[in-house]
Amino acid sequence: MSYKKILNKENIENITATNENLLVEFDKNGLFLAGNENAADFKKRMQLLLDNLQKVDTGIVKNDDYEIFDGITASKNDIIPDSIMNEAGETTSKLFNFSATWVPGFFLSKSLGFMWGGCAAYFPESGLSMFLIRKNFKDNEKFFIYKRTELLSHELCHAARLPLNDSAYEEHFAYMTSKSKLRQYFGNCFQGRWDAHLFLGPVLLLLAVQIFRTFIAPSSDVMIAPFWFLITIYPIYMLLRSHKQRKEYYNAFKNLSALAVNEPKAVLFRSVKDEISRMALLKDKALLNFITYKCKESLRWRIISKRFIATANQESGE
């Protein structure tokens, strides 16, 4: 596993608020500071992540059936090689200027169903992420409707943004790795666990009413039309919410681009909803003032600025 490139004892010991060059290297590897996290807390989180990665590393080497989580096992032969992980890293590097070399991935020897391509397991309390994909991808880039690189790069985005705890734009950025415009547009409609329930609930209710009228009470006066109306309300809300957020994203992108900001996509990828909404409204000097303020209160923004915004400050005479 290639996590040792960035996550090692020496690097973690050298984490300080003033060692911005090292924090930039962590950022390049998809290890972002969270919210207003300070250097000391980031250091603790990186040490915890390293400890957990080493446990997985040691366990997978010593055991033929190492339990990854919840009854799912893998062996060292199931480890996704760096060459395949690097394919996904190239995609995220081009889009958002990071490549998460530390995320362990495994081919599952047992399929979870024909339509299953893969998934990721996230453990927020430790920052650990693991990718599980079907074994067909070991020798094939494509299976059914899934593409290996797209699947892994999508999950790499989730792994990197996990500390930001920003569900509003989570799928928006992850689906930017897809070449399908349809997936890019509709991918961010589902943003939380309640979305699926509120989307499917009225559908199941309509089905129950239809069954009731057909088989239990054929002569019932229960009207179906209100239930058809009910199933459209939440999908419309999700579409409007996603459209508004996409508009805010592109306005923020346009405003950052007007400042000659280096890689506005990368800046927005490391931002949360409130920040993106704010940057969508601010232009020119007001936007630079906002970024300056964020840098004063947030080490995360100091690193973002050091990597992507310094040129904008220079060109504006700051």
Foldseek 3Di string as FASTA:
>chain_A
DQQCVLQDDVLLVPFALPVLVNQLVCVQQLLFDEDQDHRVVSSVLSVLLVVVLVVVVVQQAVDQFRDPDDPQTHHPVFKQDPVLLVLLQVLCCVQQNHRNSSATEGAGADDPDQPDAWDKDADLVRLHIYIYGHPVVNPDQDHDPDGSSLVSNLVSLCSSCVSHPALQCSQLLSCVSPPDPVCNLCVNLDRDPVLVCQLCVLVVVLVVVVCCCPPPNVPDPDDSVVSVVSNVVSSVVSNVSSVVQVLLQVLLLVQCVVLVWANSSNLVSLDHSVLSNVSSPDHDPRNVVVLVVCVVSHSSSVSVCVVTPVVSCVVSPD
